[in-house]
Amino acid sequence: MYKQYGFTLIELLVVIAIIALLMAILMPTLARVKKQERATACQMNLHHWAVIWSMYTGDYDGSFPDGTHAQAGKQVGHWLFAAEPYYKDEEIR
């Protein structure tokens, strides 16, 4: 008599079912973690903008750009360009 090596079809199906069950349990958890990460990134960006505008208003006597603000010899027509010297990371925009 010879001995068969390997797995039976039932054993393979059981393993696949266990993996599918574990994935079904894990997916909502991973989605929640991803959502928390996005919220944290958003909060950090808001904090950076607060620091940027705090520095800007400190340099310009507590005032915000009014749309025709002259900065470094050029007219700056948009608040984003007025704040540009205060941040380095382009991702914040």
PDB file of N, CA and C in Angstrom:
ATOM      1  N   MET A   1       0.831  -1.173   0.000  1.00  0.00           N
ATOM      2  CA  MET A   1       0.000   0.000   0.000  1.00  0.00           C
ATOM      3  C   MET A   1       0.886   1.250   0.000  1.00  0.00           C
ATOM      4  N   TYR A   2       0.420   2.223  -0.756  1.00  0.00           N
ATOM      5  CA  TYR A   2       1.190   3.460  -0.748  1.00  0.00           C
ATOM      6  C   TYR A   2       0.403   4.511   0.024  1.00  0.00           C
ATOM      7  N   LYS A   3       1.157   5.472   0.585  1.00  0.00           N
ATOM      8  CA  LYS A   3       0.555   6.511   1.418  1.00  0.00           C
ATOM      9  C   LYS A   3       0.423   7.794   0.598  1.00  0.00           C
ATOM     10  N   GLN A   4      -0.753   8.434   0.667  1.00  0.00           N
ATOM     11  CA  GLN A   4      -0.963   9.684  -0.052  1.00  0.00           C
ATOM     12  C   GLN A   4      -0.501  10.853   0.809  1.00  0.00           C
ATOM     13  N   TYR A   5       0.175  11.797   0.164  1.00  0.00           N
ATOM     14  CA  TYR A   5       0.627  13.008   0.848  1.00  0.00           C
ATOM     15  C   TYR A   5      -0.173  14.182   0.308  1.00  0.00           C
ATOM     16  N   GLY A   6      -0.367  15.183   1.148  1.00  0.00           N
ATOM     17  CA  GLY A   6      -1.087  16.377   0.715  1.00  0.00           C
ATOM     18  C   GLY A   6      -2.337  16.591   1.545  1.00  0.00           C
ATOM     19  N   PHE A   7      -3.096  17.593   1.133  1.00  0.00           N
ATOM     20  CA  PHE A   7      -4.304  17.957   1.850  1.00  0.00           C
ATOM     21  C   PHE A   7      -5.520  17.464   1.080  1.00  0.00           C
ATOM     22  N   THR A   8      -6.557  17.188   1.826  1.00  0.00           N
ATOM     23  CA  THR A   8      -7.812  16.819   1.174  1.00  0.00           C
ATOM     24  C   THR A   8      -8.556  18.095   0.796  1.00  0.00           C
ATOM     25  N   LEU A   9      -9.545  17.951  -0.037  1.00  0.00           N
ATOM     26  CA  LEU A   9     -10.340  19.091  -0.471  1.00  0.00           C
ATOM     27  C   LEU A   9     -11.043  19.743   0.715  1.00  0.00           C
ATOM     28  N   ILE A  10     -11.539  18.971   1.632  1.00  0.00           N
ATOM     29  CA  ILE A  10     -12.228  19.491   2.811  1.00  0.00           C
ATOM     30  C   ILE A  10     -11.275  20.334   3.655  1.00  0.00           C
ATOM     31  N   GLU A  11     -10.045  19.868   3.858  1.00  0.00           N
ATOM     32  CA  GLU A  11      -9.072  20.627   4.644  1.00  0.00           C
ATOM     33  C   GLU A  11      -8.764  21.975   3.980  1.00  0.00           C
ATOM     34  N   LEU A  12      -8.617  21.965   2.677  1.00  0.00           N
ATOM     35  CA  LEU A  12      -8.360  23.217   1.969  1.00  0.00           C
ATOM     36  C   LEU A  12      -9.540  24.179   2.073  1.00  0.00           C
ATOM     37  N   LEU A  13     -10.750  23.671   1.955  1.00  0.00           N
ATOM     38  CA  LEU A  13     -11.939  24.516   2.067  1.00  0.00           C
ATOM     39  C   LEU A  13     -12.082  25.106   3.469  1.00  0.00           C
ATOM     40  N   VAL A  14     -11.745  24.324   4.477  1.00  0.00           N
ATOM     41  CA  VAL A  14     -11.811  24.813   5.859  1.00  0.00           C
ATOM     42  C   VAL A  14     -10.807  25.951   6.055  1.00  0.00           C
ATOM     43  N   VAL A  15      -9.609  25.785   5.554  1.00  0.00           N
ATOM     44  CA  VAL A  15      -8.593  26.837   5.688  1.00  0.00           C
ATOM     45  C   VAL A  15      -9.035  28.105   4.959  1.00  0.00           C
ATOM     46  N   ILE A  16      -9.586  27.958   3.759  1.00  0.00           N
ATOM     47  CA  ILE A  16     -10.062  29.112   3.010  1.00  0.00           C
ATOM     48  C   ILE A  16     -11.209  29.797   3.750  1.00  0.00           C
ATOM     49  N   ALA A  17     -12.098  29.039   4.334  1.00  0.00           N
ATOM     50  CA  ALA A  17     -13.217  29.613   5.087  1.00  0.00           C
ATOM     51  C   ALA A  17     -12.720  30.373   6.310  1.00  0.00           C
ATOM     52  N   ILE A  18     -11.716  29.844   7.000  1.00  0.00           N
ATOM     53  CA  ILE A  18     -11.162  30.522   8.175  1.00  0.00           C
ATOM     54  C   ILE A  18     -10.507  31.839   7.753  1.00  0.00           C
ATOM     55  N   ILE A  19      -9.763  31.831   6.662  1.00  0.00           N
ATOM     56  CA  ILE A  19      -9.127  33.059   6.174  1.00  0.00           C
ATOM     57  C   ILE A  19     -10.188  34.087   5.786  1.00  0.00           C
ATOM     58  N   ALA A  20     -11.244  33.659   5.130  1.00  0.00           N
ATOM     59  CA  ALA A  20     -12.320  34.573   4.738  1.00  0.00           C
ATOM     60  C   ALA A  20     -12.998  35.169   5.967  1.00  0.00           C
ATOM     61  N   LEU A  21     -13.210  34.361   6.993  1.00  0.00           N
ATOM     62  CA  LEU A  21     -13.823  34.839   8.230  1.00  0.00           C
ATOM     63  C   LEU A  21     -12.931  35.867   8.920  1.00  0.00           C
ATOM     64  N   LEU A  22     -11.651  35.605   8.990  1.00  0.00           N
ATOM     65  CA  LEU A  22     -10.723  36.557   9.591  1.00  0.00           C
ATOM     66  C   LEU A  22     -10.678  37.868   8.810  1.00  0.00           C
ATOM     67  N   MET A  23     -10.718  37.798   7.494  1.00  0.00           N
ATOM     68  CA  MET A  23     -10.727  39.008   6.667  1.00  0.00           C
ATOM     69  C   MET A  23     -12.008  39.803   6.887  1.00  0.00           C
ATOM     70  N   ALA A  24     -13.134  39.112   7.024  1.00  0.00           N
ATOM     71  CA  ALA A  24     -14.404  39.803   7.261  1.00  0.00           C
ATOM     72  C   ALA A  24     -14.392  40.516   8.605  1.00  0.00           C
ATOM     73  N   ILE A  25     -13.705  39.967   9.575  1.00  0.00           N
ATOM     74  CA  ILE A  25     -13.602  40.606  10.888  1.00  0.00           C
ATOM     75  C   ILE A  25     -12.634  41.789  10.824  1.00  0.00           C
ATOM     76  N   LEU A  26     -11.564  41.664  10.078  1.00  0.00           N
ATOM     77  CA  LEU A  26     -10.524  42.676  10.035  1.00  0.00           C
ATOM     78  C   LEU A  26     -10.862  43.888   9.179  1.00  0.00           C
ATOM     79  N   MET A  27     -11.603  43.743   8.106  1.00  0.00           N
ATOM     80  CA  MET A  27     -11.859  44.840   7.170  1.00  0.00           C
ATOM     81  C   MET A  27     -12.515  46.062   7.817  1.00  0.00           C
ATOM     82  N   PRO A  28     -13.559  45.936   8.620  1.00  0.00           N
ATOM     83  CA  PRO A  28     -14.135  47.128   9.257  1.00  0.00           C
ATOM     84  C   PRO A  28     -13.141  47.831  10.185  1.00  0.00           C
ATOM     85  N   THR A  29     -12.309  47.053  10.846  1.00  0.00           N
ATOM     86  CA  THR A  29     -11.313  47.643  11.735  1.00  0.00           C
ATOM     87  C   THR A  29     -10.304  48.455  10.938  1.00  0.00           C
ATOM     88  N   LEU A  30      -9.861  47.927   9.816  1.00  0.00           N
ATOM     89  CA  LEU A  30      -8.910  48.653   8.981  1.00  0.00           C
ATOM     90  C   LEU A  30      -9.533  49.920   8.404  1.00  0.00           C
ATOM     91  N   ALA A  31     -10.799  49.867   8.046  1.00  0.00           N
ATOM     92  CA  ALA A  31     -11.484  51.052   7.526  1.00  0.00           C
ATOM     93  C   ALA A  31     -11.590  52.126   8.602  1.00  0.00           C
ATOM     94  N   ARG A  32     -11.867  51.715   9.828  1.00  0.00           N
ATOM     95  CA  ARG A  32     -11.967  52.674  10.928  1.00  0.00           C
ATOM     96  C   ARG A  32     -10.616  53.328  11.202  1.00  0.00           C
ATOM     97  N   VAL A  33      -9.549  52.554  11.159  1.00  0.00           N
ATOM     98  CA  VAL A  33      -8.208  53.090  11.387  1.00  0.00           C
ATOM     99  C   VAL A  33      -7.844  54.085  10.286  1.00  0.00           C
ATOM    100  N   LYS A  34      -8.215  53.767   9.050  1.00  0.00           N
ATOM    101  CA  LYS A  34      -7.935  54.670   7.941  1.00  0.00           C
ATOM    102  C   LYS A  34      -8.695  55.988   8.109  1.00  0.00           C
ATOM    103  N   LYS A  35      -9.923  55.909   8.561  1.00  0.00           N
ATOM    104  CA  LYS A  35     -10.728  57.109   8.788  1.00  0.00           C
ATOM    105  C   LYS A  35     -10.121  57.960   9.908  1.00  0.00           C
ATOM    106  N   GLN A  36      -9.661  57.329  10.970  1.00  0.00           N
ATOM    107  CA  GLN A  36      -9.008  58.049  12.067  1.00  0.00           C
ATOM    108  C   GLN A  36      -7.726  58.721  11.591  1.00  0.00           C
ATOM    109  N   GLU A  37      -6.992  58.057  10.713  1.00  0.00           N
ATOM    110  CA  GLU A  37      -5.745  58.625  10.195  1.00  0.00           C
ATOM    111  C   GLU A  37      -6.039  59.878   9.382  1.00  0.00           C
ATOM    112  N   ARG A  38      -7.080  59.838   8.553  1.00  0.00           N
ATOM    113  CA  ARG A  38      -7.445  61.017   7.769  1.00  0.00           C
ATOM    114  C   ARG A  38      -7.881  62.164   8.674  1.00  0.00           C
ATOM    115  N   ALA A  39      -8.630  61.859   9.730  1.00  0.00           N
ATOM    116  CA  ALA A  39      -9.067  62.900  10.664  1.00  0.00           C
ATOM    117  C   ALA A  39      -7.870  63.525  11.378  1.00  0.00           C
ATOM    118  N   THR A  40      -6.912  62.716  11.761  1.00  0.00           N
ATOM    119  CA  THR A  40      -5.717  63.225  12.431  1.00  0.00           C
ATOM    120  C   THR A  40      -4.904  64.100  11.486  1.00  0.00           C
ATOM    121  N   ALA A  41      -4.762  63.680  10.237  1.00  0.00           N
ATOM    122  CA  ALA A  41      -4.034  64.482   9.252  1.00  0.00           C
ATOM    123  C   ALA A  41      -4.730  65.823   9.034  1.00  0.00           C
ATOM    124  N   CYS A  42      -6.049  65.818   8.984  1.00  0.00           N
ATOM    125  CA  CYS A  42      -6.808  67.055   8.811  1.00  0.00           C
ATOM    126  C   CYS A  42      -6.603  67.981  10.009  1.00  0.00           C
ATOM    127  N   GLN A  43      -6.641  67.428  11.211  1.00  0.00           N
ATOM    128  CA  GLN A  43      -6.414  68.232  12.415  1.00  0.00           C
ATOM    129  C   GLN A  43      -5.017  68.831  12.428  1.00  0.00           C
ATOM    130  N   MET A  44      -4.031  68.072  11.981  1.00  0.00           N
ATOM    131  CA  MET A  44      -2.663  68.591  11.935  1.00  0.00           C
ATOM    132  C   MET A  44      -2.547  69.719  10.913  1.00  0.00           C
ATOM    133  N   ASN A  45      -3.204  69.570   9.768  1.00  0.00           N
ATOM    134  CA  ASN A  45      -3.182  70.645   8.770  1.00  0.00           C
ATOM    135  C   ASN A  45      -3.843  71.912   9.306  1.00  0.00           C
ATOM    136  N   LEU A  46      -4.950  71.753  10.017  1.00  0.00           N
ATOM    137  CA  LEU A  46      -5.610  72.917  10.620  1.00  0.00           C
ATOM    138  C   LEU A  46      -4.705  73.588  11.647  1.00  0.00           C
ATOM    139  N   HIS A  47      -4.002  72.789  12.421  1.00  0.00           N
ATOM    140  CA  HIS A  47      -3.063  73.341  13.401  1.00  0.00           C
ATOM    141  C   HIS A  47      -1.948  74.110  12.693  1.00  0.00           C
ATOM    142  N   HIS A  48      -1.422  73.540  11.597  1.00  0.00           N
ATOM    143  CA  HIS A  48      -0.372  74.232  10.855  1.00  0.00           C
ATOM    144  C   HIS A  48      -0.869  75.553  10.288  1.00  0.00           C
ATOM    145  N   TRP A  49      -2.106  75.563   9.777  1.00  0.00           N
ATOM    146  CA  TRP A  49      -2.650  76.829   9.265  1.00  0.00           C
ATOM    147  C   TRP A  49      -2.801  77.848  10.385  1.00  0.00           C
ATOM    148  N   ALA A  50      -3.189  77.406  11.571  1.00  0.00           N
ATOM    149  CA  ALA A  50      -3.304  78.331  12.700  1.00  0.00           C
ATOM    150  C   ALA A  50      -1.943  78.947  13.024  1.00  0.00           C
ATOM    151  N   VAL A  51      -0.904  78.136  13.003  1.00  0.00           N
ATOM    152  CA  VAL A  51       0.445  78.640  13.273  1.00  0.00           C
ATOM    153  C   VAL A  51       0.887  79.599  12.167  1.00  0.00           C
ATOM    154  N   ILE A  52       0.602  79.238  10.908  1.00  0.00           N
ATOM    155  CA  ILE A  52       0.965  80.090   9.770  1.00  0.00           C
ATOM    156  C   ILE A  52       0.319  81.465   9.900  1.00  0.00           C
ATOM    157  N   TRP A  53      -0.987  81.488  10.174  1.00  0.00           N
ATOM    158  CA  TRP A  53      -1.670  82.776  10.264  1.00  0.00           C
ATOM    159  C   TRP A  53      -1.285  83.537  11.515  1.00  0.00           C
ATOM    160  N   SER A  54      -0.922  82.824  12.559  1.00  0.00           N
ATOM    161  CA  SER A  54      -0.419  83.504  13.753  1.00  0.00           C
ATOM    162  C   SER A  54       0.896  84.213  13.441  1.00  0.00           C
ATOM    163  N   MET A  55       1.778  83.540  12.712  1.00  0.00           N
ATOM    164  CA  MET A  55       3.044  84.182  12.323  1.00  0.00           C
ATOM    165  C   MET A  55       2.790  85.348  11.373  1.00  0.00           C
ATOM    166  N   TYR A  56       1.885  85.164  10.409  1.00  0.00           N
ATOM    167  CA  TYR A  56       1.582  86.219   9.442  1.00  0.00           C
ATOM    168  C   TYR A  56       1.054  87.467  10.153  1.00  0.00           C
ATOM    169  N   THR A  57       0.051  87.279  11.006  1.00  0.00           N
ATOM    170  CA  THR A  57      -0.534  88.433  11.689  1.00  0.00           C
ATOM    171  C   THR A  57       0.456  89.058  12.661  1.00  0.00           C
ATOM    172  N   GLY A  58       1.373  88.270  13.189  1.00  0.00           N
ATOM    173  CA  GLY A  58       2.423  88.841  14.032  1.00  0.00           C
ATOM    174  C   GLY A  58       3.344  89.754  13.243  1.00  0.00           C
ATOM    175  N   ASP A  59       3.606  89.406  11.993  1.00  0.00           N
ATOM    176  CA  ASP A  59       4.477  90.225  11.142  1.00  0.00           C
ATOM    177  C   ASP A  59       3.769  91.450  10.573  1.00  0.00           C
ATOM    178  N   TYR A  60       2.443  91.400  10.439  1.00  0.00           N
ATOM    179  CA  TYR A  60       1.692  92.491   9.810  1.00  0.00           C
ATOM    180  C   TYR A  60       0.712  93.150  10.777  1.00  0.00           C
ATOM    181  N   ASP A  61       1.148  93.362  12.001  1.00  0.00           N
ATOM    182  CA  ASP A  61       0.384  94.108  13.012  1.00  0.00           C
ATOM    183  C   ASP A  61      -1.029  93.586  13.214  1.00  0.00           C
ATOM    184  N   GLY A  62      -1.198  92.284  13.228  1.00  0.00           N
ATOM    185  CA  GLY A  62      -2.483  91.675  13.534  1.00  0.00           C
ATOM    186  C   GLY A  62      -3.503  91.711  12.414  1.00  0.00           C
ATOM    187  N   SER A  63      -3.090  92.034  11.183  1.00  0.00           N
ATOM    188  CA  SER A  63      -4.059  92.100  10.095  1.00  0.00           C
ATOM    189  C   SER A  63      -3.862  90.947   9.126  1.00  0.00           C
ATOM    190  N   PHE A  64      -4.960  90.573   8.482  1.00  0.00           N
ATOM    191  CA  PHE A  64      -4.956  89.533   7.469  1.00  0.00           C
ATOM    192  C   PHE A  64      -4.827  90.182   6.094  1.00  0.00           C
ATOM    193  N   PRO A  65      -4.447  89.414   5.074  1.00  0.00           N
ATOM    194  CA  PRO A  65      -4.354  89.997   3.737  1.00  0.00           C
ATOM    195  C   PRO A  65      -5.730  90.448   3.251  1.00  0.00           C
ATOM    196  N   ASP A  66      -5.755  91.592   2.578  1.00  0.00           N
ATOM    197  CA  ASP A  66      -7.039  92.146   2.128  1.00  0.00           C
ATOM    198  C   ASP A  66      -7.289  91.953   0.639  1.00  0.00           C
ATOM    199  N   GLY A  67      -6.449  91.222  -0.042  1.00  0.00           N
ATOM    200  CA  GLY A  67      -6.654  90.963  -1.462  1.00  0.00           C
ATOM    201  C   GLY A  67      -5.744  91.784  -2.350  1.00  0.00           C
ATOM    202  N   THR A  68      -5.253  92.929  -1.833  1.00  0.00           N
ATOM    203  CA  THR A  68      -4.329  93.763  -2.617  1.00  0.00           C
ATOM    204  C   THR A  68      -3.077  94.045  -1.808  1.00  0.00           C
ATOM    205  N   HIS A  69      -2.698  93.104  -1.021  1.00  0.00           N
ATOM    206  CA  HIS A  69      -1.583  93.257  -0.091  1.00  0.00           C
ATOM    207  C   HIS A  69      -0.252  93.201  -0.839  1.00  0.00           C
ATOM    208  N   ALA A  70       0.605  94.191  -0.656  1.00  0.00           N
ATOM    209  CA  ALA A  70       1.923  94.180  -1.283  1.00  0.00           C
ATOM    210  C   ALA A  70       2.886  93.415  -0.388  1.00  0.00           C
ATOM    211  N   GLN A  71       3.596  92.487  -0.977  1.00  0.00           N
ATOM    212  CA  GLN A  71       4.538  91.682  -0.196  1.00  0.00           C
ATOM    213  C   GLN A  71       5.791  91.486  -1.038  1.00  0.00           C
ATOM    214  N   ALA A  72       6.911  91.858  -0.501  1.00  0.00           N
ATOM    215  CA  ALA A  72       8.215  91.717  -1.168  1.00  0.00           C
ATOM    216  C   ALA A  72       8.212  92.401  -2.541  1.00  0.00           C
ATOM    217  N   GLY A  73       7.614  93.573  -2.616  1.00  0.00           N
ATOM    218  CA  GLY A  73       7.639  94.343  -3.843  1.00  0.00           C
ATOM    219  C   GLY A  73       6.645  93.902  -4.901  1.00  0.00           C
ATOM    220  N   LYS A  74       5.776  92.956  -4.604  1.00  0.00           N
ATOM    221  CA  LYS A  74       4.792  92.518  -5.600  1.00  0.00           C
ATOM    222  C   LYS A  74       3.404  92.535  -4.979  1.00  0.00           C
ATOM    223  N   GLN A  75       2.408  92.672  -5.809  1.00  0.00           N
ATOM    224  CA  GLN A  75       1.034  92.663  -5.332  1.00  0.00           C
ATOM    225  C   GLN A  75       0.576  91.218  -5.159  1.00  0.00           C
ATOM    226  N   VAL A  76       0.033  90.929  -4.025  1.00  0.00           N
ATOM    227  CA  VAL A  76      -0.463  89.578  -3.742  1.00  0.00           C
ATOM    228  C   VAL A  76      -1.979  89.668  -3.676  1.00  0.00           C
ATOM    229  N   GLY A  77      -2.654  88.971  -4.574  1.00  0.00           N
ATOM    230  CA  GLY A  77      -4.100  89.091  -4.659  1.00  0.00           C
ATOM    231  C   GLY A  77      -4.867  87.963  -4.011  1.00  0.00           C
ATOM    232  N   HIS A  78      -4.199  87.015  -3.419  1.00  0.00           N
ATOM    233  CA  HIS A  78      -4.890  85.870  -2.858  1.00  0.00           C
ATOM    234  C   HIS A  78      -4.248  85.514  -1.524  1.00  0.00           C
ATOM    235  N   TRP A  79      -5.050  85.120  -0.561  1.00  0.00           N
ATOM    236  CA  TRP A  79      -4.525  84.822   0.776  1.00  0.00           C
ATOM    237  C   TRP A  79      -3.515  83.694   0.766  1.00  0.00           C
ATOM    238  N   LEU A  80      -3.673  82.733  -0.159  1.00  0.00           N
ATOM    239  CA  LEU A  80      -2.754  81.601  -0.216  1.00  0.00           C
ATOM    240  C   LEU A  80      -1.347  82.063  -0.580  1.00  0.00           C
ATOM    241  N   PHE A  81      -1.266  83.013  -1.500  1.00  0.00           N
ATOM    242  CA  PHE A  81       0.043  83.535  -1.876  1.00  0.00           C
ATOM    243  C   PHE A  81       0.621  84.410  -0.774  1.00  0.00           C
ATOM    244  N   ALA A  82      -0.233  85.075  -0.022  1.00  0.00           N
ATOM    245  CA  ALA A  82       0.245  85.900   1.087  1.00  0.00           C
ATOM    246  C   ALA A  82       0.876  85.032   2.169  1.00  0.00           C
ATOM    247  N   ALA A  83       0.359  83.815   2.354  1.00  0.00           N
ATOM    248  CA  ALA A  83       0.870  82.928   3.407  1.00  0.00           C
ATOM    249  C   ALA A  83       2.022  82.054   2.928  1.00  0.00           C
ATOM    250  N   GLU A  84       2.323  82.093   1.635  1.00  0.00           N
ATOM    251  CA  GLU A  84       3.316  81.195   1.059  1.00  0.00           C
ATOM    252  C   GLU A  84       4.692  81.234   1.745  1.00  0.00           C
ATOM    253  N   PRO A  85       5.210  82.399   2.148  1.00  0.00           N
ATOM    254  CA  PRO A  85       6.524  82.393   2.798  1.00  0.00           C
ATOM    255  C   PRO A  85       6.537  81.709   4.169  1.00  0.00           C
ATOM    256  N   TYR A  86       5.374  81.401   4.709  1.00  0.00           N
ATOM    257  CA  TYR A  86       5.297  80.853   6.057  1.00  0.00           C
ATOM    258  C   TYR A  86       5.165  79.337   6.113  1.00  0.00           C
ATOM    259  N   TYR A  87       5.119  78.702   4.981  1.00  0.00           N
ATOM    260  CA  TYR A  87       5.077  77.235   4.981  1.00  0.00           C
ATOM    261  C   TYR A  87       5.958  76.694   3.863  1.00  0.00           C
ATOM    262  N   LYS A  88       6.463  75.484   4.073  1.00  0.00           N
ATOM    263  CA  LYS A  88       7.335  74.846   3.092  1.00  0.00           C
ATOM    264  C   LYS A  88       6.664  73.658   2.424  1.00  0.00           C
ATOM    265  N   ASP A  89       5.818  72.974   3.147  1.00  0.00           N
ATOM    266  CA  ASP A  89       5.182  71.762   2.648  1.00  0.00           C
ATOM    267  C   ASP A  89       4.011  72.111   1.734  1.00  0.00           C
ATOM    268  N   GLU A  90       4.120  71.789   0.460  1.00  0.00           N
ATOM    269  CA  GLU A  90       3.044  72.089  -0.495  1.00  0.00           C
ATOM    270  C   GLU A  90       1.805  71.239  -0.253  1.00  0.00           C
ATOM    271  N   GLU A  91       1.948  70.137   0.470  1.00  0.00           N
ATOM    272  CA  GLU A  91       0.806  69.253   0.731  1.00  0.00           C
ATOM    273  C   GLU A  91      -0.261  69.929   1.599  1.00  0.00           C
ATOM    274  N   ILE A  92       0.120  70.945   2.342  1.00  0.00           N
ATOM    275  CA  ILE A  92      -0.837  71.585   3.247  1.00  0.00           C
ATOM    276  C   ILE A  92      -1.943  72.291   2.475  1.00  0.00           C
ATOM    277  N   ARG A  93      -1.657  72.673   1.243  1.00  0.00           N
ATOM    278  CA  ARG A  93      -2.690  73.330   0.437  1.00  0.00           C
ATOM    279  C   ARG A  93      -3.665  72.316  -0.080  1.00  0.00           C
TER     280      ARG A  93
END
